Protein backbone atom coordinates (compact mmCIF):
# COMPACT_ATOMS: atom_id res chain seq x y z
CA UNK A 1 103.95 96.88 79.64
CA UNK A 2 105.73 93.47 79.87
CA UNK A 3 106.61 92.14 83.66
CA UNK A 4 106.37 89.71 86.28
CA UNK A 5 104.35 90.89 89.57
CA UNK A 6 105.18 89.73 92.76
CA UNK A 7 103.85 90.30 96.43
CA UNK A 8 105.86 92.22 99.16
CA UNK A 9 108.61 89.87 100.50
CA UNK A 10 108.67 87.61 97.17
CA UNK A 11 111.36 90.06 95.56
CA UNK A 12 110.68 92.91 93.14
CA UNK A 13 107.34 93.99 92.44
CA UNK A 14 108.25 94.22 89.05
CA UNK A 15 110.86 92.92 86.50
CA UNK A 16 111.11 94.60 83.15
CA UNK A 17 111.64 91.87 80.31
CA UNK A 18 111.21 94.52 77.41
CA UNK A 19 110.01 97.87 78.55
CA UNK A 20 108.79 98.91 75.36
CA UNK A 21 107.13 95.80 74.12
CA UNK A 22 103.49 96.85 74.99
CA UNK A 23 103.51 100.78 74.08
CA UNK A 24 103.73 101.82 70.39
CA UNK A 25 105.34 105.21 71.07
CA UNK A 26 104.69 106.49 67.46
CA UNK A 27 100.72 105.86 67.68
CA UNK A 28 100.89 107.37 71.41
CA UNK A 29 102.54 110.32 69.90
CA UNK A 30 100.38 110.69 67.09
CA UNK A 31 97.49 110.62 69.25
CA UNK A 32 98.21 113.19 72.53
CA UNK A 33 96.79 116.29 73.09
CA UNK A 34 98.49 119.10 72.39
CA UNK A 35 98.00 122.74 74.20
CA UNK A 36 98.05 125.91 72.16
CA UNK A 37 101.39 126.99 71.60
CA UNK A 38 103.03 123.70 72.33
CA UNK A 39 104.74 121.74 69.47
CA UNK A 40 103.45 118.26 68.81
CA UNK A 41 104.86 115.16 70.61
CA UNK A 42 107.43 113.22 68.94
CA UNK A 43 108.17 109.42 68.91
CA UNK A 44 111.57 109.91 70.95
CA UNK A 45 109.65 112.29 73.87
CA UNK A 46 107.14 109.87 74.25
CA UNK A 47 109.55 106.93 74.56
CA UNK A 48 111.29 109.36 77.30
CA UNK A 49 108.39 109.71 79.02
CA UNK A 50 107.69 106.10 78.86
CA UNK A 51 111.13 104.79 80.05
CA UNK A 52 110.78 107.49 82.67
CA UNK A 53 107.53 106.19 83.79
CA UNK A 54 108.50 102.16 83.75
CA UNK A 55 111.73 102.94 85.53
CA UNK A 56 109.94 104.66 88.33
CA UNK A 57 107.23 101.70 88.36
CA UNK A 58 110.56 99.40 88.86
CA UNK A 59 112.44 101.36 91.10
CA UNK A 60 109.38 102.22 93.34
CA UNK A 61 108.25 98.51 93.36
CA UNK A 62 111.84 97.37 94.78
CA UNK A 63 111.45 100.27 97.09
CA UNK A 64 107.96 99.23 98.23
CA UNK A 65 108.60 95.65 98.54
CA UNK A 66 111.74 96.84 100.71
CA UNK A 67 109.66 99.58 103.00
CA UNK A 68 106.84 96.99 103.65
CA UNK A 69 109.23 94.48 104.86
CA UNK A 70 111.21 97.05 106.86
CA UNK A 71 107.55 97.78 108.35
CA UNK A 72 106.65 94.30 108.92
CA UNK A 73 109.91 93.77 110.72
CA UNK A 74 109.32 96.93 112.79
CA UNK A 75 105.64 95.71 113.64
CA UNK A 76 106.99 92.32 114.85
CA UNK A 77 108.73 93.74 117.52
CA UNK A 78 105.69 95.02 119.14
CA UNK A 79 104.53 98.20 120.42
CA UNK A 80 103.36 97.48 123.94
CA UNK A 81 107.02 98.97 125.41
CA UNK A 82 107.37 95.80 127.65
CA UNK A 83 110.74 96.07 129.32
CA UNK A 84 111.50 99.29 127.28
CA UNK A 85 112.43 102.45 128.75
CA UNK A 86 110.36 105.63 127.52
CA UNK A 87 113.18 106.57 125.21
CA UNK A 88 113.01 103.48 123.57
CA UNK A 89 109.34 103.33 122.81
CA UNK A 90 109.29 106.89 121.65
CA UNK A 91 111.95 105.98 119.32
CA UNK A 92 110.64 102.45 118.17
CA UNK A 93 107.33 104.46 117.44
CA UNK A 94 109.36 107.23 115.44
CA UNK A 95 110.82 104.51 113.27
CA UNK A 96 107.74 102.79 112.90
CA UNK A 97 106.06 106.05 111.80
CA UNK A 98 108.87 106.63 109.41
CA UNK A 99 108.45 103.49 107.47
CA UNK A 100 104.88 104.19 107.20
CA UNK A 101 105.54 107.31 105.51
CA UNK A 102 108.16 106.10 103.08
CA UNK A 103 105.87 102.99 102.12
CA UNK A 104 103.00 105.28 101.29
CA UNK A 105 104.94 107.50 99.47
CA UNK A 106 106.83 104.73 97.56
CA UNK A 107 102.66 103.28 97.01
CA UNK A 108 101.85 106.77 95.49
CA UNK A 109 104.67 106.97 92.96
CA UNK A 110 104.52 103.51 91.89
CA UNK A 111 100.40 103.81 91.33
CA UNK A 112 100.69 107.08 89.71
CA UNK A 113 103.61 106.07 87.71
CA UNK A 114 101.19 102.74 86.40
CA UNK A 115 98.38 104.93 85.93
CA UNK A 116 99.92 107.24 83.88
CA UNK A 117 101.19 104.11 81.68
CA UNK A 118 97.72 102.86 81.18
CA UNK A 119 96.80 106.64 80.36
CA UNK A 120 99.24 106.48 77.72
CA UNK A 121 98.05 103.20 76.16
CA UNK A 122 94.39 104.13 76.55
CA UNK A 123 94.75 107.44 74.97
CA UNK A 124 93.74 109.91 77.67
CA UNK A 125 97.39 110.74 79.13
CA UNK A 126 97.84 114.42 78.45
CA UNK A 127 94.26 115.56 79.43
CA UNK A 128 93.85 117.47 82.47
CA UNK A 129 90.97 115.12 84.70
CA UNK A 130 89.16 118.16 85.81
CA UNK A 131 88.63 120.52 82.83
CA UNK A 132 89.33 118.32 79.94
CA UNK A 133 92.24 120.32 78.17
CA UNK A 134 95.46 119.38 77.15
CA UNK A 135 98.09 119.26 80.37
CA UNK A 136 100.98 120.92 78.49
CA UNK A 137 104.06 119.59 77.37
CA UNK A 138 106.39 121.08 79.80
CA UNK A 139 104.63 120.31 82.55
CA UNK A 140 103.92 116.36 81.49
CA UNK A 141 107.70 116.33 80.57
CA UNK A 142 108.98 117.50 84.19
CA UNK A 143 105.99 115.25 85.95
CA UNK A 144 104.59 112.52 83.42
CA UNK A 145 102.59 111.44 86.35
CA UNK A 146 100.66 114.72 86.17
CA UNK A 147 96.76 114.15 86.05
CA UNK A 148 95.72 117.68 86.08
CA UNK A 149 96.89 121.29 84.07
CA UNK A 150 98.61 123.85 86.26
CA UNK A 151 95.35 125.84 86.59
CA UNK A 152 93.19 123.09 87.89
CA UNK A 153 96.19 122.04 90.17
CA UNK A 154 96.41 125.54 91.73
CA UNK A 155 92.70 125.60 91.95
CA UNK A 156 92.64 122.29 94.01
CA UNK A 157 95.56 122.79 96.15
CA UNK A 158 93.87 126.31 97.20
CA UNK A 159 91.05 124.60 98.82
């Protein structure tokens, strides 16, 4: 993927200059695993997945920068509660907790999307990391960051 990476607070984490420049959708489509009963991947379907993932990386990079900056601002306010009543202290703590949650979620989507793009390029995307079987086209089209088939994911969530 072509892009420029920045640290938080210095503008967007990623700027896309040519989103398809590093992804050969035709070659990727031909190499993707196909589950029994699924149609093989088309170049257009792979391009759509790449577009979604690259859009997620860009969008979440911007959201992550904002969330990290907002969190840094809240942390600068301090948390000792000096001069604040109990309600203000609780409200400040709640705001910090919310920003931490937003930052973690943005980081997770950003990282998962980047990993999915890398897996596409490496030829491992679409293969369940648990059982090694194809994940399934419908699941990947609905959630292109999936790394497990439905069966393995359900088993993991029951634990």
